Amino acid sequence: MPQQTVFFDQRKGAKRVQVFKSYDANFARSCFDEMDESALAFLSRSLDLESNYEMNKAVDKLEWEDVEEEAREDGNMMSFFIVVEESEGRSRSLYVSPDWPSAEEFAKAILN
């Protein structure tokens, strides 16, 4: 199994934001479960779920399976980009995405 790789690492004051690429679907799922409403909305927009769902299905029904489907690389291998914030000695996962551009954009927004 490939190791976790740091793709982004920046600080602003006491806050540090990192983006990791991970192949661990269980870890990514636990991060997904911790995402707040604004992060879920950001992810939903980045996955363009509005065009994938029927008009009567609410976009706020983002499910883990939507993320998994987009995370496939080769066959059954999946990769995820996980945004983690460290502040005041605490670390927490804020965002998980199957694509690098949205994870980078989210991470930069957290720093501003």
C-alpha atoms as a PDB file:
ATOM      1  CA  MET A   1       0.000   0.000   0.000  1.00  0.00           C
ATOM      2  CA  PRO A   2       1.471   3.397  -0.955  1.00  0.00           C
ATOM      3  CA  GLN A   3       2.316   5.780   1.867  1.00  0.00           C
ATOM      4  CA  GLN A   4       0.622   9.064   2.659  1.00  0.00           C
ATOM      5  CA  THR A   5       2.260  12.017   0.884  1.00  0.00           C
ATOM      6  CA  VAL A   6       2.206  15.715   1.823  1.00  0.00           C
ATOM      7  CA  PHE A   7       1.099  17.835  -1.151  1.00  0.00           C
ATOM      8  CA  PHE A   8       0.638  21.165   0.630  1.00  0.00           C
ATOM      9  CA  ASP A   9       2.039  22.563   3.874  1.00  0.00           C
ATOM     10  CA  GLN A  10       1.610  26.223   4.820  1.00  0.00           C
ATOM     11  CA  ARG A  11       1.419  28.258   8.003  1.00  0.00           C
ATOM     12  CA  LYS A  12      -0.284  31.486   8.899  1.00  0.00           C
ATOM     13  CA  GLY A  13       0.429  32.602  12.421  1.00  0.00           C
ATOM     14  CA  ALA A  14      -0.228  29.710  14.784  1.00  0.00           C
ATOM     15  CA  LYS A  15      -2.298  27.855  12.190  1.00  0.00           C
ATOM     16  CA  ARG A  16      -0.817  25.156   9.969  1.00  0.00           C
ATOM     17  CA  VAL A  17      -2.746  23.628   7.069  1.00  0.00           C
ATOM     18  CA  GLN A  18      -1.625  20.515   5.242  1.00  0.00           C
ATOM     19  CA  VAL A  19      -3.034  18.449   2.403  1.00  0.00           C
ATOM     20  CA  PHE A  20      -2.169  14.765   2.368  1.00  0.00           C
ATOM     21  CA  LYS A  21      -2.725  12.306  -0.413  1.00  0.00           C
ATOM     22  CA  SER A  22      -3.846   9.040   1.113  1.00  0.00           C
ATOM     23  CA  TYR A  23      -4.830   5.654  -0.236  1.00  0.00           C
ATOM     24  CA  ASP A  24      -6.517   4.662   3.019  1.00  0.00           C
ATOM     25  CA  ALA A  25     -10.256   4.652   2.307  1.00  0.00           C
ATOM     26  CA  ASN A  26     -11.136   4.016   5.961  1.00  0.00           C
ATOM     27  CA  PHE A  27      -9.167   7.068   7.107  1.00  0.00           C
ATOM     28  CA  ALA A  28     -10.669   9.173   4.316  1.00  0.00           C
ATOM     29  CA  ARG A  29     -14.164   8.014   5.288  1.00  0.00           C
ATOM     30  CA  SER A  30     -13.608   9.035   8.912  1.00  0.00           C
ATOM     31  CA  CYS A  31     -12.474  12.481   7.701  1.00  0.00           C
ATOM     32  CA  PHE A  32     -15.551  12.726   5.475  1.00  0.00           C
ATOM     33  CA  ASP A  33     -17.778  11.959   8.467  1.00  0.00           C
ATOM     34  CA  GLU A  34     -16.194  14.890  10.359  1.00  0.00           C
ATOM     35  CA  MET A  35     -16.768  17.471   7.601  1.00  0.00           C
ATOM     36  CA  ASP A  36     -19.049  20.380   8.459  1.00  0.00           C
ATOM     37  CA  GLU A  37     -21.829  21.708   6.222  1.00  0.00           C
ATOM     38  CA  SER A  38     -19.688  24.337   4.504  1.00  0.00           C
ATOM     39  CA  ALA A  39     -16.997  21.774   3.648  1.00  0.00           C
ATOM     40  CA  LEU A  40     -19.642  19.362   2.322  1.00  0.00           C
ATOM     41  CA  ALA A  41     -21.137  22.138   0.177  1.00  0.00           C
ATOM     42  CA  PHE A  42     -17.663  22.998  -1.162  1.00  0.00           C
ATOM     43  CA  LEU A  43     -17.050  19.337  -2.007  1.00  0.00           C
ATOM     44  CA  SER A  44     -20.456  18.985  -3.630  1.00  0.00           C
ATOM     45  CA  ARG A  45     -19.707  21.966  -5.890  1.00  0.00           C
ATOM     46  CA  SER A  46     -16.271  20.613  -6.782  1.00  0.00           C
ATOM     47  CA  LEU A  47     -17.763  17.242  -7.748  1.00  0.00           C
ATOM     48  CA  ASP A  48     -20.429  19.060  -9.794  1.00  0.00           C
ATOM     49  CA  LEU A  49     -23.173  16.917  -8.316  1.00  0.00           C
ATOM     50  CA  GLU A  50     -25.901  19.215  -9.590  1.00  0.00           C
ATOM     51  CA  SER A  51     -25.284  18.062 -13.140  1.00  0.00           C
ATOM     52  CA  ASN A  52     -24.977  14.416 -12.063  1.00  0.00           C
ATOM     53  CA  TYR A  53     -28.200  14.247 -10.082  1.00  0.00           C
ATOM     54  CA  GLU A  54     -31.747  14.546 -11.264  1.00  0.00           C
ATOM     55  CA  MET A  55     -33.210  17.978 -10.721  1.00  0.00           C
ATOM     56  CA  ASN A  56     -35.413  16.765  -7.862  1.00  0.00           C
ATOM     57  CA  LYS A  57     -32.561  15.239  -5.826  1.00  0.00           C
ATOM     58  CA  ALA A  58     -31.064  17.719  -3.389  1.00  0.00           C
ATOM     59  CA  VAL A  59     -27.340  18.363  -3.686  1.00  0.00           C
ATOM     60  CA  ASP A  60     -27.097  18.428   0.105  1.00  0.00           C
ATOM     61  CA  LYS A  61     -27.450  14.635   0.008  1.00  0.00           C
ATOM     62  CA  LEU A  62     -23.748  14.161  -0.737  1.00  0.00           C
ATOM     63  CA  GLU A  63     -22.830  10.616   0.196  1.00  0.00           C
ATOM     64  CA  TRP A  64     -19.536   8.830   0.734  1.00  0.00           C
ATOM     65  CA  GLU A  65     -20.185   6.711  -2.347  1.00  0.00           C
ATOM     66  CA  ASP A  66     -20.079   9.888  -4.486  1.00  0.00           C
ATOM     67  CA  VAL A  67     -16.558  10.563  -3.228  1.00  0.00           C
ATOM     68  CA  GLU A  68     -15.406   6.966  -3.613  1.00  0.00           C
ATOM     69  CA  GLU A  69     -16.586   6.803  -7.206  1.00  0.00           C
ATOM     70  CA  GLU A  70     -14.501   9.848  -8.135  1.00  0.00           C
ATOM     71  CA  ALA A  71     -11.469   8.616  -6.148  1.00  0.00           C
ATOM     72  CA  ARG A  72     -10.741   5.561  -8.295  1.00  0.00           C
ATOM     73  CA  GLU A  73      -7.306   5.616  -9.918  1.00  0.00           C
ATOM     74  CA  ASP A  74      -6.527   2.157 -11.254  1.00  0.00           C
ATOM     75  CA  GLY A  75      -9.037  -0.639 -10.843  1.00  0.00           C
ATOM     76  CA  ASN A  76      -9.907  -0.777  -7.170  1.00  0.00           C
ATOM     77  CA  MET A  77      -7.182   1.636  -6.001  1.00  0.00           C
ATOM     78  CA  MET A  78      -8.553   4.906  -4.661  1.00  0.00           C
ATOM     79  CA  SER A  79      -6.766   8.065  -3.590  1.00  0.00           C
ATOM     80  CA  PHE A  80      -8.001  10.953  -1.477  1.00  0.00           C
ATOM     81  CA  PHE A  81      -6.712  14.427  -0.646  1.00  0.00           C
ATOM     82  CA  ILE A  82      -7.272  15.249   3.010  1.00  0.00           C
ATOM     83  CA  VAL A  83      -7.025  18.781   4.419  1.00  0.00           C
ATOM     84  CA  VAL A  84      -5.833  18.901   8.028  1.00  0.00           C
ATOM     85  CA  GLU A  85      -5.590  21.988  10.236  1.00  0.00           C
ATOM     86  CA  GLU A  86      -3.261  22.209  13.228  1.00  0.00           C
ATOM     87  CA  SER A  87      -3.852  24.972  15.731  1.00  0.00           C
ATOM     88  CA  GLU A  88      -3.092  25.324  19.434  1.00  0.00           C
ATOM     89  CA  GLY A  89      -1.622  21.838  19.573  1.00  0.00           C
ATOM     90  CA  ARG A  90      -4.725  20.213  18.108  1.00  0.00           C
ATOM     91  CA  SER A  91      -5.094  18.604  14.717  1.00  0.00           C
ATOM     92  CA  ARG A  92      -8.388  18.078  12.926  1.00  0.00           C
ATOM     93  CA  SER A  93      -9.453  16.923   9.513  1.00  0.00           C
ATOM     94  CA  LEU A  94     -11.555  19.494   7.690  1.00  0.00           C
ATOM     95  CA  TYR A  95     -12.020  18.236   4.156  1.00  0.00           C
ATOM     96  CA  VAL A  96     -11.544  15.179   1.981  1.00  0.00           C
ATOM     97  CA  SER A  97     -11.723  15.139  -1.794  1.00  0.00           C
ATOM     98  CA  PRO A  98     -10.888  12.786  -4.628  1.00  0.00           C
ATOM     99  CA  ASP A  99      -9.167  15.614  -6.506  1.00  0.00           C
ATOM    100  CA  TRP A 100      -6.141  17.777  -5.786  1.00  0.00           C
ATOM    101  CA  PRO A 101      -7.403  21.136  -7.153  1.00  0.00           C
ATOM    102  CA  SER A 102     -10.392  21.367  -4.813  1.00  0.00           C
ATOM    103  CA  ALA A 103      -8.329  20.258  -1.794  1.00  0.00           C
ATOM    104  CA  GLU A 104      -5.710  22.912  -2.554  1.00  0.00           C
ATOM    105  CA  GLU A 105      -8.387  25.588  -3.019  1.00  0.00           C
ATOM    106  CA  PHE A 106     -10.060  24.612   0.263  1.00  0.00           C
ATOM    107  CA  ALA A 107      -6.730  24.614   2.125  1.00  0.00           C
ATOM    108  CA  LYS A 108      -5.823  28.091   0.835  1.00  0.00           C
ATOM    109  CA  ALA A 109      -9.273  29.404   1.822  1.00  0.00           C
ATOM    110  CA  ILE A 110      -8.719  28.123   5.374  1.00  0.00           C
ATOM    111  CA  LEU A 111      -5.508  30.154   5.622  1.00  0.00           C
ATOM    112  CA  ASN A 112      -7.189  33.412   4.564  1.00  0.00           C
END
